[in-house]
Amino acid sequence: MIGNLINEVNCKTLIVNGVSDHVHCLFGFRPVHSISEIMQSVKAKSSKWINEKGFLKNRFEWQEGYGSVTYSHGQVDVVFRYIKNQERHHQKETFKDEYVGMLKKYGVNYDEKYLFYEPI
């Protein structure tokens, strides 16, 4: 479903997968839309669909914000396998630990208060 929503904004979804607290989406796009426009559309339409279908007892809402990383064409296979193996990968390391580790590794300044909220 999320892949279809990405495709609706003229992108090409390669894979979507995740675990209980986050989702990874690998897609190709031309800069007709910004990443923020794409994510706003995907998050709005997917949360509406989830709530209309009644999958959850409580109302579903995505966390504010998102993370975005770009990759070269030569890295697509590695990233695809990483996303495909999310469940196994996160048995070893939480997403938060992995994400913060990546920010530190690449020297990205960040404020912890803007990264994650605990799920309700």
PDB file of N, CA and C in Angstrom:
ATOM      1  N   MET A   1       0.821  -1.179   0.000  1.00  0.00           N
ATOM      2  CA  MET A   1       0.000   0.000   0.000  1.00  0.00           C
ATOM      3  C   MET A   1       0.873   1.253   0.000  1.00  0.00           C
ATOM      4  N   ILE A   2       1.883   1.315   0.854  1.00  0.00           N
ATOM      5  CA  ILE A   2       2.746   2.491   0.887  1.00  0.00           C
ATOM      6  C   ILE A   2       3.496   2.631  -0.437  1.00  0.00           C
ATOM      7  N   GLY A   3       3.937   1.509  -0.984  1.00  0.00           N
ATOM      8  CA  GLY A   3       4.607   1.554  -2.285  1.00  0.00           C
ATOM      9  C   GLY A   3       3.720   2.138  -3.369  1.00  0.00           C
ATOM     10  N   ASN A   4       2.451   1.780  -3.357  1.00  0.00           N
ATOM     11  CA  ASN A   4       1.508   2.333  -4.340  1.00  0.00           C
ATOM     12  C   ASN A   4       1.335   3.837  -4.158  1.00  0.00           C
ATOM     13  N   LEU A   5       1.314   4.289  -2.909  1.00  0.00           N
ATOM     14  CA  LEU A   5       1.178   5.724  -2.648  1.00  0.00           C
ATOM     15  C   LEU A   5       2.408   6.485  -3.127  1.00  0.00           C
ATOM     16  N   ILE A   6       3.572   5.882  -2.974  1.00  0.00           N
ATOM     17  CA  ILE A   6       4.800   6.502  -3.490  1.00  0.00           C
ATOM     18  C   ILE A   6       4.729   6.590  -5.013  1.00  0.00           C
ATOM     19  N   ASN A   7       4.276   5.520  -5.643  1.00  0.00           N
ATOM     20  CA  ASN A   7       4.167   5.509  -7.105  1.00  0.00           C
ATOM     21  C   ASN A   7       3.169   6.551  -7.614  1.00  0.00           C
ATOM     22  N   GLU A   8       2.142   6.859  -6.815  1.00  0.00           N
ATOM     23  CA  GLU A   8       1.135   7.849  -7.217  1.00  0.00           C
ATOM     24  C   GLU A   8       1.726   9.235  -7.436  1.00  0.00           C
ATOM     25  N   VAL A   9       2.857   9.518  -6.802  1.00  0.00           N
ATOM     26  CA  VAL A   9       3.492  10.834  -6.969  1.00  0.00           C
ATOM     27  C   VAL A   9       4.676  10.741  -7.939  1.00  0.00           C
ATOM     28  N   ASN A  10       4.530   9.847  -8.917  1.00  0.00           N
ATOM     29  CA  ASN A  10       5.498   9.698 -10.009  1.00  0.00           C
ATOM     30  C   ASN A  10       6.888   9.273  -9.559  1.00  0.00           C
ATOM     31  N   CYS A  11       6.941   8.433  -8.544  1.00  0.00           N
ATOM     32  CA  CYS A  11       8.189   7.829  -8.109  1.00  0.00           C
ATOM     33  C   CYS A  11       8.147   6.347  -8.461  1.00  0.00           C
ATOM     34  N   LYS A  12       9.272   5.677  -8.328  1.00  0.00           N
ATOM     35  CA  LYS A  12       9.333   4.244  -8.615  1.00  0.00           C
ATOM     36  C   LYS A  12       9.751   3.513  -7.344  1.00  0.00           C
ATOM     37  N   THR A  13       8.799   2.844  -6.707  1.00  0.00           N
ATOM     38  CA  THR A  13       9.083   2.105  -5.483  1.00  0.00           C
ATOM     39  C   THR A  13       9.886   0.856  -5.812  1.00  0.00           C
ATOM     40  N   LEU A  14      10.976   0.655  -5.076  1.00  0.00           N
ATOM     41  CA  LEU A  14      11.787  -0.547  -5.224  1.00  0.00           C
ATOM     42  C   LEU A  14      11.479  -1.549  -4.118  1.00  0.00           C
ATOM     43  N   ILE A  15      11.304  -1.065  -2.887  1.00  0.00           N
ATOM     44  CA  ILE A  15      10.939  -1.934  -1.768  1.00  0.00           C
ATOM     45  C   ILE A  15      10.435  -1.066  -0.615  1.00  0.00           C
ATOM     46  N   VAL A  16       9.478  -1.607   0.124  1.00  0.00           N
ATOM     47  CA  VAL A  16       8.992  -1.012   1.372  1.00  0.00           C
ATOM     48  C   VAL A  16       8.950  -2.144   2.381  1.00  0.00           C
ATOM     49  N   ASN A  17       9.533  -1.932   3.540  1.00  0.00           N
ATOM     50  CA  ASN A  17       9.517  -2.944   4.599  1.00  0.00           C
ATOM     51  C   ASN A  17       9.819  -2.249   5.913  1.00  0.00           C
ATOM     52  N   GLY A  18       9.430  -2.871   6.992  1.00  0.00           N
ATOM     53  CA  GLY A  18       9.697  -2.279   8.289  1.00  0.00           C
ATOM     54  C   GLY A  18       9.381  -3.224   9.413  1.00  0.00           C
ATOM     55  N   VAL A  19       9.428  -2.680  10.598  1.00  0.00           N
ATOM     56  CA  VAL A  19       9.098  -3.402  11.818  1.00  0.00           C
ATOM     57  C   VAL A  19       8.109  -2.554  12.600  1.00  0.00           C
ATOM     58  N   SER A  20       7.858  -2.916  13.842  1.00  0.00           N
ATOM     59  CA  SER A  20       6.769  -2.291  14.598  1.00  0.00           C
ATOM     60  C   SER A  20       6.918  -0.789  14.805  1.00  0.00           C
ATOM     61  N   ASP A  21       8.137  -0.262  14.784  1.00  0.00           N
ATOM     62  CA  ASP A  21       8.295   1.157  15.108  1.00  0.00           C
ATOM     63  C   ASP A  21       8.804   2.033  13.961  1.00  0.00           C
ATOM     64  N   HIS A  22       8.997   1.469  12.773  1.00  0.00           N
ATOM     65  CA  HIS A  22       9.415   2.293  11.643  1.00  0.00           C
ATOM     66  C   HIS A  22       9.302   1.530  10.330  1.00  0.00           C
ATOM     67  N   VAL A  23       9.320   2.287   9.253  1.00  0.00           N
ATOM     68  CA  VAL A  23       9.213   1.727   7.905  1.00  0.00           C
ATOM     69  C   VAL A  23      10.331   2.323   7.049  1.00  0.00           C
ATOM     70  N   HIS A  24      10.940   1.481   6.221  1.00  0.00           N
ATOM     71  CA  HIS A  24      11.929   1.944   5.248  1.00  0.00           C
ATOM     72  C   HIS A  24      11.309   1.874   3.860  1.00  0.00           C
ATOM     73  N   CYS A  25      11.541   2.900   3.069  1.00  0.00           N
ATOM     74  CA  CYS A  25      11.057   2.943   1.693  1.00  0.00           C
ATOM     75  C   CYS A  25      12.238   3.292   0.794  1.00  0.00           C
ATOM     76  N   LEU A  26      12.502   2.447  -0.177  1.00  0.00           N
ATOM     77  CA  LEU A  26      13.536   2.736  -1.166  1.00  0.00           C
ATOM     78  C   LEU A  26      12.826   3.001  -2.487  1.00  0.00           C
ATOM     79  N   PHE A  27      13.025   4.193  -3.012  1.00  0.00           N
ATOM     80  CA  PHE A  27      12.362   4.534  -4.268  1.00  0.00           C
ATOM     81  C   PHE A  27      13.213   5.501  -5.069  1.00  0.00           C
ATOM     82  N   GLY A  28      13.026   5.433  -6.357  1.00  0.00           N
ATOM     83  CA  GLY A  28      13.667   6.377  -7.252  1.00  0.00           C
ATOM     84  C   GLY A  28      12.706   7.505  -7.560  1.00  0.00           C
ATOM     85  N   PHE A  29      13.250   8.692  -7.728  1.00  0.00           N
ATOM     86  CA  PHE A  29      12.371   9.808  -8.068  1.00  0.00           C
ATOM     87  C   PHE A  29      13.125  10.864  -8.860  1.00  0.00           C
ATOM     88  N   ARG A  30      12.364  11.602  -9.609  1.00  0.00           N
ATOM     89  CA  ARG A  30      12.879  12.783 -10.289  1.00  0.00           C
ATOM     90  C   ARG A  30      12.441  13.975  -9.445  1.00  0.00           C
ATOM     91  N   PRO A  31      13.227  15.015  -9.423  1.00  0.00           N
ATOM     92  CA  PRO A  31      12.894  16.131  -8.522  1.00  0.00           C
ATOM     93  C   PRO A  31      11.714  16.986  -8.981  1.00  0.00           C
ATOM     94  N   VAL A  32      10.628  16.314  -9.377  1.00  0.00           N
ATOM     95  CA  VAL A  32       9.382  17.016  -9.688  1.00  0.00           C
ATOM     96  C   VAL A  32       8.716  17.417  -8.374  1.00  0.00           C
ATOM     97  N   HIS A  33       8.808  16.512  -7.386  1.00  0.00           N
ATOM     98  CA  HIS A  33       8.298  16.762  -6.040  1.00  0.00           C
ATOM     99  C   HIS A  33       9.469  16.692  -5.071  1.00  0.00           C
ATOM    100  N   SER A  34       9.380  17.442  -3.991  1.00  0.00           N
ATOM    101  CA  SER A  34      10.404  17.344  -2.952  1.00  0.00           C
ATOM    102  C   SER A  34      10.135  16.104  -2.100  1.00  0.00           C
ATOM    103  N   ILE A  35      11.153  15.661  -1.389  1.00  0.00           N
ATOM    104  CA  ILE A  35      10.976  14.531  -0.471  1.00  0.00           C
ATOM    105  C   ILE A  35       9.882  14.863   0.543  1.00  0.00           C
ATOM    106  N   SER A  36       9.859  16.098   1.044  1.00  0.00           N
ATOM    107  CA  SER A  36       8.838  16.452   2.041  1.00  0.00           C
ATOM    108  C   SER A  36       7.434  16.360   1.451  1.00  0.00           C
ATOM    109  N   GLU A  37       7.246  16.743   0.193  1.00  0.00           N
ATOM    110  CA  GLU A  37       5.931  16.611  -0.444  1.00  0.00           C
ATOM    111  C   GLU A  37       5.542  15.139  -0.597  1.00  0.00           C
ATOM    112  N   ILE A  38       6.500  14.326  -0.994  1.00  0.00           N
ATOM    113  CA  ILE A  38       6.233  12.896  -1.155  1.00  0.00           C
ATOM    114  C   ILE A  38       5.838  12.285   0.182  1.00  0.00           C
ATOM    115  N   MET A  39       6.616  12.560   1.218  1.00  0.00           N
ATOM    116  CA  MET A  39       6.340  11.962   2.525  1.00  0.00           C
ATOM    117  C   MET A  39       5.040  12.490   3.118  1.00  0.00           C
ATOM    118  N   GLN A  40       4.743  13.766   2.923  1.00  0.00           N
ATOM    119  CA  GLN A  40       3.479  14.312   3.422  1.00  0.00           C
ATOM    120  C   GLN A  40       2.303  13.572   2.796  1.00  0.00           C
ATOM    121  N   SER A  41       2.359  13.352   1.499  1.00  0.00           N
ATOM    122  CA  SER A  41       1.286  12.652   0.800  1.00  0.00           C
ATOM    123  C   SER A  41       1.167  11.205   1.273  1.00  0.00           C
ATOM    124  N   VAL A  42       2.286  10.505   1.335  1.00  0.00           N
ATOM    125  CA  VAL A  42       2.280   9.093   1.737  1.00  0.00           C
ATOM    126  C   VAL A  42       1.782   8.939   3.167  1.00  0.00           C
ATOM    127  N   LYS A  43       2.271   9.769   4.078  1.00  0.00           N
ATOM    128  CA  LYS A  43       1.857   9.647   5.480  1.00  0.00           C
ATOM    129  C   LYS A  43       0.381   9.997   5.660  1.00  0.00           C
ATOM    130  N   ALA A  44      -0.089  11.044   4.984  1.00  0.00           N
ATOM    131  CA  ALA A  44      -1.498  11.443   5.119  1.00  0.00           C
ATOM    132  C   ALA A  44      -2.431  10.365   4.574  1.00  0.00           C
ATOM    133  N   LYS A  45      -2.150   9.892   3.366  1.00  0.00           N
ATOM    134  CA  LYS A  45      -3.038   8.905   2.743  1.00  0.00           C
ATOM    135  C   LYS A  45      -2.976   7.554   3.442  1.00  0.00           C
ATOM    136  N   SER A  46      -1.791   7.152   3.902  1.00  0.00           N
ATOM    137  CA  SER A  46      -1.692   5.846   4.563  1.00  0.00           C
ATOM    138  C   SER A  46      -2.346   5.870   5.941  1.00  0.00           C
ATOM    139  N   SER A  47      -2.200   6.957   6.691  1.00  0.00           N
ATOM    140  CA  SER A  47      -2.854   7.014   8.001  1.00  0.00           C
ATOM    141  C   SER A  47      -4.374   7.060   7.838  1.00  0.00           C
ATOM    142  N   LYS A  48      -4.849   7.778   6.832  1.00  0.00           N
ATOM    143  CA  LYS A  48      -6.293   7.807   6.567  1.00  0.00           C
ATOM    144  C   LYS A  48      -6.795   6.401   6.244  1.00  0.00           C
ATOM    145  N   TRP A  49      -6.082   5.687   5.395  1.00  0.00           N
ATOM    146  CA  TRP A  49      -6.465   4.323   5.007  1.00  0.00           C
ATOM    147  C   TRP A  49      -6.457   3.384   6.212  1.00  0.00           C
ATOM    148  N   ILE A  50      -5.413   3.445   7.020  1.00  0.00           N
ATOM    149  CA  ILE A  50      -5.320   2.585   8.210  1.00  0.00           C
ATOM    150  C   ILE A  50      -6.497   2.848   9.140  1.00  0.00           C
ATOM    151  N   ASN A  51      -6.822   4.112   9.363  1.00  0.00           N
ATOM    152  CA  ASN A  51      -7.928   4.457  10.259  1.00  0.00           C
ATOM    153  C   ASN A  51      -9.287   4.076   9.672  1.00  0.00           C
ATOM    154  N   GLU A  52      -9.466   4.259   8.373  1.00  0.00           N
ATOM    155  CA  GLU A  52     -10.735   3.870   7.744  1.00  0.00           C
ATOM    156  C   GLU A  52     -10.948   2.362   7.790  1.00  0.00           C
ATOM    157  N   LYS A  53      -9.879   1.592   7.674  1.00  0.00           N
ATOM    158  CA  LYS A  53      -9.979   0.130   7.708  1.00  0.00           C
ATOM    159  C   LYS A  53     -10.181  -0.399   9.120  1.00  0.00           C
ATOM    160  N   GLY A  54      -9.899   0.423  10.131  1.00  0.00           N
ATOM    161  CA  GLY A  54     -10.112   0.007  11.516  1.00  0.00           C
ATOM    162  C   GLY A  54      -9.153  -1.072  12.000  1.00  0.00           C
ATOM    163  N   PHE A  55      -7.927  -1.048  11.507  1.00  0.00           N
ATOM    164  CA  PHE A  55      -6.946  -2.053  11.902  1.00  0.00           C
ATOM    165  C   PHE A  55      -6.540  -1.947  13.371  1.00  0.00           C
ATOM    166  N   LEU A  56      -6.650  -0.755  13.933  1.00  0.00           N
ATOM    167  CA  LEU A  56      -6.196  -0.519  15.303  1.00  0.00           C
ATOM    168  C   LEU A  56      -7.354  -0.062  16.178  1.00  0.00           C
ATOM    169  N   LYS A  57      -7.244  -0.359  17.450  1.00  0.00           N
ATOM    170  CA  LYS A  57      -8.267   0.058  18.408  1.00  0.00           C
ATOM    171  C   LYS A  57      -8.288   1.588  18.531  1.00  0.00           C
ATOM    172  N   ASN A  58      -7.110   2.186  18.566  1.00  0.00           N
ATOM    173  CA  ASN A  58      -6.978   3.638  18.681  1.00  0.00           C
ATOM    174  C   ASN A  58      -6.646   4.243  17.322  1.00  0.00           C
ATOM    175  N   ARG A  59      -6.788   5.534  17.243  1.00  0.00           N
ATOM    176  CA  ARG A  59      -6.478   6.255  16.005  1.00  0.00           C
ATOM    177  C   ARG A  59      -4.980   6.160  15.713  1.00  0.00           C
ATOM    178  N   PHE A  60      -4.635   5.861  14.467  1.00  0.00           N
ATOM    179  CA  PHE A  60      -3.238   5.780  14.042  1.00  0.00           C
ATOM    180  C   PHE A  60      -2.763   7.137  13.561  1.00  0.00           C
ATOM    181  N   GLU A  61      -1.569   7.516  13.994  1.00  0.00           N
ATOM    182  CA  GLU A  61      -0.910   8.723  13.495  1.00  0.00           C
ATOM    183  C   GLU A  61       0.570   8.424  13.344  1.00  0.00           C
ATOM    184  N   TRP A  62       1.158   8.911  12.270  1.00  0.00           N
ATOM    185  CA  TRP A  62       2.593   8.817  12.109  1.00  0.00           C
ATOM    186  C   TRP A  62       3.257   9.813  13.044  1.00  0.00           C
ATOM    187  N   GLN A  63       4.453   9.504  13.452  1.00  0.00           N
ATOM    188  CA  GLN A  63       5.260  10.460  14.205  1.00  0.00           C
ATOM    189  C   GLN A  63       5.548  11.652  13.301  1.00  0.00           C
ATOM    190  N   GLU A  64       5.708  12.835  13.880  1.00  0.00           N
ATOM    191  CA  GLU A  64       6.087  13.995  13.078  1.00  0.00           C
ATOM    192  C   GLU A  64       7.460  13.751  12.472  1.00  0.00           C
ATOM    193  N   GLY A  65       7.642  14.233  11.270  1.00  0.00           N
ATOM    194  CA  GLY A  65       8.948  14.159  10.635  1.00  0.00           C
ATOM    195  C   GLY A  65       9.235  12.825   9.979  1.00  0.00           C
ATOM    196  N   TYR A  66      10.443  12.710   9.478  1.00  0.00           N
ATOM    197  CA  TYR A  66      10.910  11.503   8.799  1.00  0.00           C
ATOM    198  C   TYR A  66      12.418  11.646   8.620  1.00  0.00           C
ATOM    199  N   GLY A  67      13.064  10.570   8.299  1.00  0.00           N
ATOM    200  CA  GLY A  67      14.482  10.603   7.955  1.00  0.00           C
ATOM    201  C   GLY A  67      14.630  10.281   6.484  1.00  0.00           C
ATOM    202  N   SER A  68      15.570  10.907   5.831  1.00  0.00           N
ATOM    203  CA  SER A  68      15.787  10.672   4.409  1.00  0.00           C
ATOM    204  C   SER A  68      17.280  10.602   4.134  1.00  0.00           C
ATOM    205  N   VAL A  69      17.673   9.581   3.385  1.00  0.00           N
ATOM    206  CA  VAL A  69      19.070   9.391   3.018  1.00  0.00           C
ATOM    207  C   VAL A  69      19.107   9.101   1.527  1.00  0.00           C
ATOM    208  N   THR A  70      20.069   9.665   0.823  1.00  0.00           N
ATOM    209  CA  THR A  70      20.196   9.387  -0.603  1.00  0.00           C
ATOM    210  C   THR A  70      21.299   8.361  -0.838  1.00  0.00           C
ATOM    211  N   TYR A  71      21.151   7.617  -1.912  1.00  0.00           N
ATOM    212  CA  TYR A  71      22.121   6.592  -2.287  1.00  0.00           C
ATOM    213  C   TYR A  71      22.416   6.703  -3.767  1.00  0.00           C
ATOM    214  N   SER A  72      23.614   6.286  -4.142  1.00  0.00           N
ATOM    215  CA  SER A  72      23.940   6.231  -5.567  1.00  0.00           C
ATOM    216  C   SER A  72      23.352   4.960  -6.166  1.00  0.00           C
ATOM    217  N   HIS A  73      23.243   4.940  -7.468  1.00  0.00           N
ATOM    218  CA  HIS A  73      22.687   3.773  -8.160  1.00  0.00           C
ATOM    219  C   HIS A  73      23.470   2.507  -7.811  1.00  0.00           C
ATOM    220  N   GLY A  74      24.772   2.613  -7.636  1.00  0.00           N
ATOM    221  CA  GLY A  74      25.605   1.458  -7.317  1.00  0.00           C
ATOM    222  C   GLY A  74      25.349   0.865  -5.941  1.00  0.00           C
ATOM    223  N   GLN A  75      24.664   1.583  -5.076  1.00  0.00           N
ATOM    224  CA  GLN A  75      24.377   1.100  -3.723  1.00  0.00           C
ATOM    225  C   GLN A  75      22.983   0.501  -3.584  1.00  0.00           C
ATOM    226  N   VAL A  76      22.191   0.533  -4.618  1.00  0.00           N
ATOM    227  CA  VAL A  76      20.791   0.118  -4.532  1.00  0.00           C
ATOM    228  C   VAL A  76      20.649  -1.328  -4.058  1.00  0.00           C
ATOM    229  N   ASP A  77      21.439  -2.256  -4.574  1.00  0.00           N
ATOM    230  CA  ASP A  77      21.320  -3.663  -4.164  1.00  0.00           C
ATOM    231  C   ASP A  77      21.596  -3.848  -2.678  1.00  0.00           C
ATOM    232  N   VAL A  78      22.604  -3.164  -2.153  1.00  0.00           N
ATOM    233  CA  VAL A  78      22.939  -3.264  -0.725  1.00  0.00           C
ATOM    234  C   VAL A  78      21.798  -2.712   0.121  1.00  0.00           C
ATOM    235  N   VAL A  79      21.276  -1.565  -0.264  1.00  0.00           N
ATOM    236  CA  VAL A  79      20.178  -0.943   0.485  1.00  0.00           C
ATOM    237  C   VAL A  79      18.921  -1.803   0.388  1.00  0.00           C
ATOM    238  N   PHE A  80      18.652  -2.364  -0.776  1.00  0.00           N
ATOM    239  CA  PHE A  80      17.498  -3.239  -0.958  1.00  0.00           C
ATOM    240  C   PHE A  80      17.577  -4.426   0.003  1.00  0.00           C
ATOM    241  N   ARG A  81      18.736  -5.081   0.072  1.00  0.00           N
ATOM    242  CA  ARG A  81      18.894  -6.233   0.976  1.00  0.00           C
ATOM    243  C   ARG A  81      18.743  -5.814   2.437  1.00  0.00           C
ATOM    244  N   TYR A  82      19.283  -4.653   2.787  1.00  0.00           N
ATOM    245  CA  TYR A  82      19.155  -4.141   4.152  1.00  0.00           C
ATOM    246  C   TYR A  82      17.679  -3.963   4.509  1.00  0.00           C
ATOM    247  N   ILE A  83      16.915  -3.352   3.633  1.00  0.00           N
ATOM    248  CA  ILE A  83      15.493  -3.129   3.896  1.00  0.00           C
ATOM    249  C   ILE A  83      14.740  -4.454   3.928  1.00  0.00           C
ATOM    250  N   LYS A  84      15.074  -5.353   3.043  1.00  0.00           N
ATOM    251  CA  LYS A  84      14.413  -6.660   2.999  1.00  0.00           C
ATOM    252  C   LYS A  84      14.599  -7.431   4.303  1.00  0.00           C
ATOM    253  N   ASN A  85      15.728  -7.252   4.972  1.00  0.00           N
ATOM    254  CA  ASN A  85      16.063  -8.009   6.183  1.00  0.00           C
ATOM    255  C   ASN A  85      15.851  -7.218   7.470  1.00  0.00           C
ATOM    256  N   GLN A  86      14.905  -6.300   7.477  1.00  0.00           N
ATOM    257  CA  GLN A  86      14.669  -5.456   8.649  1.00  0.00           C
ATOM    258  C   GLN A  86      14.398  -6.238   9.929  1.00  0.00           C
ATOM    259  N   GLU A  87      13.531  -7.218   9.851  1.00  0.00           N
ATOM    260  CA  GLU A  87      13.157  -7.952  11.063  1.00  0.00           C
ATOM    261  C   GLU A  87      14.381  -8.608  11.700  1.00  0.00           C
ATOM    262  N   ARG A  88      15.173  -9.273  10.903  1.00  0.00           N
ATOM    263  CA  ARG A  88      16.380  -9.932  11.421  1.00  0.00           C
ATOM    264  C   ARG A  88      17.386  -8.892  11.919  1.00  0.00           C
ATOM    265  N   HIS A  89      17.552  -7.828  11.166  1.00  0.00           N
ATOM    266  CA  HIS A  89      18.513  -6.787  11.522  1.00  0.00           C
ATOM    267  C   HIS A  89      18.192  -6.164  12.879  1.00  0.00           C
ATOM    268  N   HIS A  90      16.927  -5.867  13.121  1.00  0.00           N
ATOM    269  CA  HIS A  90      16.566  -5.169  14.355  1.00  0.00           C
ATOM    270  C   HIS A  90      16.392  -6.099  15.556  1.00  0.00           C
ATOM    271  N   GLN A  91      16.647  -7.364  15.393  1.00  0.00           N
ATOM    272  CA  GLN A  91      16.765  -8.253  16.550  1.00  0.00           C
ATOM    273  C   GLN A  91      18.083  -7.982  17.258  1.00  0.00           C
ATOM    274  N   LYS A  92      19.054  -7.430  16.531  1.00  0.00           N
ATOM    275  CA  LYS A  92      20.389  -7.168  17.071  1.00  0.00           C
ATOM    276  C   LYS A  92      20.556  -5.735  17.561  1.00  0.00           C
ATOM    277  N   GLU A  93      19.881  -4.795  16.928  1.00  0.00           N
ATOM    278  CA  GLU A  93      20.080  -3.380  17.225  1.00  0.00           C
ATOM    279  C   GLU A  93      18.771  -2.627  17.026  1.00  0.00           C
ATOM    280  N   THR A  94      18.438  -1.754  17.972  1.00  0.00           N
ATOM    281  CA  THR A  94      17.219  -0.964  17.813  1.00  0.00           C
ATOM    282  C   THR A  94      17.409   0.049  16.691  1.00  0.00           C
ATOM    283  N   PHE A  95      16.310   0.486  16.139  1.00  0.00           N
ATOM    284  CA  PHE A  95      16.379   1.488  15.084  1.00  0.00           C
ATOM    285  C   PHE A  95      16.994   2.778  15.619  1.00  0.00           C
ATOM    286  N   LYS A  96      16.601   3.182  16.803  1.00  0.00           N
ATOM    287  CA  LYS A  96      17.137   4.418  17.370  1.00  0.00           C
ATOM    288  C   LYS A  96      18.647   4.337  17.512  1.00  0.00           C
ATOM    289  N   ASP A  97      19.160   3.236  18.057  1.00  0.00           N
ATOM    290  CA  ASP A  97      20.610   3.082  18.213  1.00  0.00           C
ATOM    291  C   ASP A  97      21.312   3.112  16.855  1.00  0.00           C
ATOM    292  N   GLU A  98      20.726   2.445  15.892  1.00  0.00           N
ATOM    293  CA  GLU A  98      21.312   2.420  14.553  1.00  0.00           C
ATOM    294  C   GLU A  98      21.318   3.817  13.933  1.00  0.00           C
ATOM    295  N   TYR A  99      20.223   4.521  14.044  1.00  0.00           N
ATOM    296  CA  TYR A  99      20.089   5.836  13.427  1.00  0.00           C
ATOM    297  C   TYR A  99      21.059   6.838  14.047  1.00  0.00           C
ATOM    298  N   VAL A 100      21.112   6.859  15.380  1.00  0.00           N
ATOM    299  CA  VAL A 100      22.030   7.767  16.069  1.00  0.00           C
ATOM    300  C   VAL A 100      23.474   7.405  15.725  1.00  0.00           C
ATOM    301  N   GLY A 101      23.778   6.108  15.655  1.00  0.00           N
ATOM    302  CA  GLY A 101      25.119   5.670  15.272  1.00  0.00           C
ATOM    303  C   GLY A 101      25.500   6.153  13.882  1.00  0.00           C
ATOM    304  N   MET A 102      24.545   6.111  12.957  1.00  0.00           N
ATOM    305  CA  MET A 102      24.800   6.578  11.598  1.00  0.00           C
ATOM    306  C   MET A 102      25.048   8.093  11.588  1.00  0.00           C
ATOM    307  N   LEU A 103      24.264   8.842  12.344  1.00  0.00           N
ATOM    308  CA  LEU A 103      24.472  10.288  12.411  1.00  0.00           C
ATOM    309  C   LEU A 103      25.863  10.612  12.948  1.00  0.00           C
ATOM    310  N   LYS A 104      26.264   9.904  13.995  1.00  0.00           N
ATOM    311  CA  LYS A 104      27.593  10.127  14.574  1.00  0.00           C
ATOM    312  C   LYS A 104      28.694   9.733  13.596  1.00  0.00           C
ATOM    313  N   LYS A 105      28.544   8.595  12.952  1.00  0.00           N
ATOM    314  CA  LYS A 105      29.553   8.098  12.010  1.00  0.00           C
ATOM    315  C   LYS A 105      29.834   9.108  10.903  1.00  0.00           C
ATOM    316  N   TYR A 106      28.782   9.767  10.421  1.00  0.00           N
ATOM    317  CA  TYR A 106      28.939  10.697   9.314  1.00  0.00           C
ATOM    318  C   TYR A 106      29.018  12.157   9.759  1.00  0.00           C
ATOM    319  N   GLY A 107      29.186  12.379  11.067  1.00  0.00           N
ATOM    320  CA  GLY A 107      29.404  13.722  11.580  1.00  0.00           C
ATOM    321  C   GLY A 107      28.223  14.656  11.438  1.00  0.00           C
ATOM    322  N   VAL A 108      27.012  14.108  11.513  1.00  0.00           N
ATOM    323  CA  VAL A 108      25.810  14.932  11.401  1.00  0.00           C
ATOM    324  C   VAL A 108      25.430  15.444  12.788  1.00  0.00           C
ATOM    325  N   ASN A 109      25.350  16.759  12.933  1.00  0.00           N
ATOM    326  CA  ASN A 109      24.921  17.336  14.202  1.00  0.00           C
ATOM    327  C   ASN A 109      23.423  17.129  14.366  1.00  0.00           C
ATOM    328  N   TYR A 110      22.996  16.817  15.575  1.00  0.00           N
ATOM    329  CA  TYR A 110      21.579  16.581  15.826  1.00  0.00           C
ATOM    330  C   TYR A 110      21.262  16.905  17.275  1.00  0.00           C
ATOM    331  N   ASP A 111      19.990  17.137  17.532  1.00  0.00           N
ATOM    332  CA  ASP A 111      19.486  17.339  18.885  1.00  0.00           C
ATOM    333  C   ASP A 111      18.574  16.160  19.185  1.00  0.00           C
ATOM    334  N   GLU A 112      18.925  15.378  20.179  1.00  0.00           N
ATOM    335  CA  GLU A 112      18.204  14.148  20.533  1.00  0.00           C
ATOM    336  C   GLU A 112      16.700  14.384  20.699  1.00  0.00           C
ATOM    337  N   LYS A 113      16.315  15.560  21.187  1.00  0.00           N
ATOM    338  CA  LYS A 113      14.887  15.796  21.436  1.00  0.00           C
ATOM    339  C   LYS A 113      14.065  15.825  20.146  1.00  0.00           C
ATOM    340  N   TYR A 114      14.721  15.980  19.004  1.00  0.00           N
ATOM    341  CA  TYR A 114      13.998  16.011  17.737  1.00  0.00           C
ATOM    342  C   TYR A 114      14.000  14.676  17.002  1.00  0.00           C
ATOM    343  N   LEU A 115      14.621  13.660  17.566  1.00  0.00           N
ATOM    344  CA  LEU A 115      14.761  12.403  16.839  1.00  0.00           C
ATOM    345  C   LEU A 115      13.596  11.450  17.004  1.00  0.00           C
ATOM    346  N   PHE A 116      13.239  11.121  18.230  1.00  0.00           N
ATOM    347  CA  PHE A 116      12.281  10.042  18.436  1.00  0.00           C
ATOM    348  C   PHE A 116      11.339  10.345  19.585  1.00  0.00           C
ATOM    349  N   TYR A 117      10.122   9.870  19.419  1.00  0.00           N
ATOM    350  CA  TYR A 117       9.154   9.854  20.500  1.00  0.00           C
ATOM    351  C   TYR A 117       8.908   8.400  20.840  1.00  0.00           C
ATOM    352  N   GLU A 118       8.627   8.127  22.087  1.00  0.00           N
ATOM    353  CA  GLU A 118       8.288   6.758  22.469  1.00  0.00           C
ATOM    354  C   GLU A 118       6.895   6.438  21.951  1.00  0.00           C
ATOM    355  N   PRO A 119       6.703   5.251  21.381  1.00  0.00           N
ATOM    356  CA  PRO A 119       5.363   4.890  20.892  1.00  0.00           C
ATOM    357  C   PRO A 119       4.353   4.836  22.026  1.00  0.00           C
ATOM    358  N   ILE A 120       3.124   5.175  21.694  1.00  0.00           N
ATOM    359  CA  ILE A 120       2.046   5.142  22.690  1.00  0.00           C
ATOM    360  C   ILE A 120       1.477   3.751  22.763  1.00  0.00           C
TER     361      ILE A 120
END
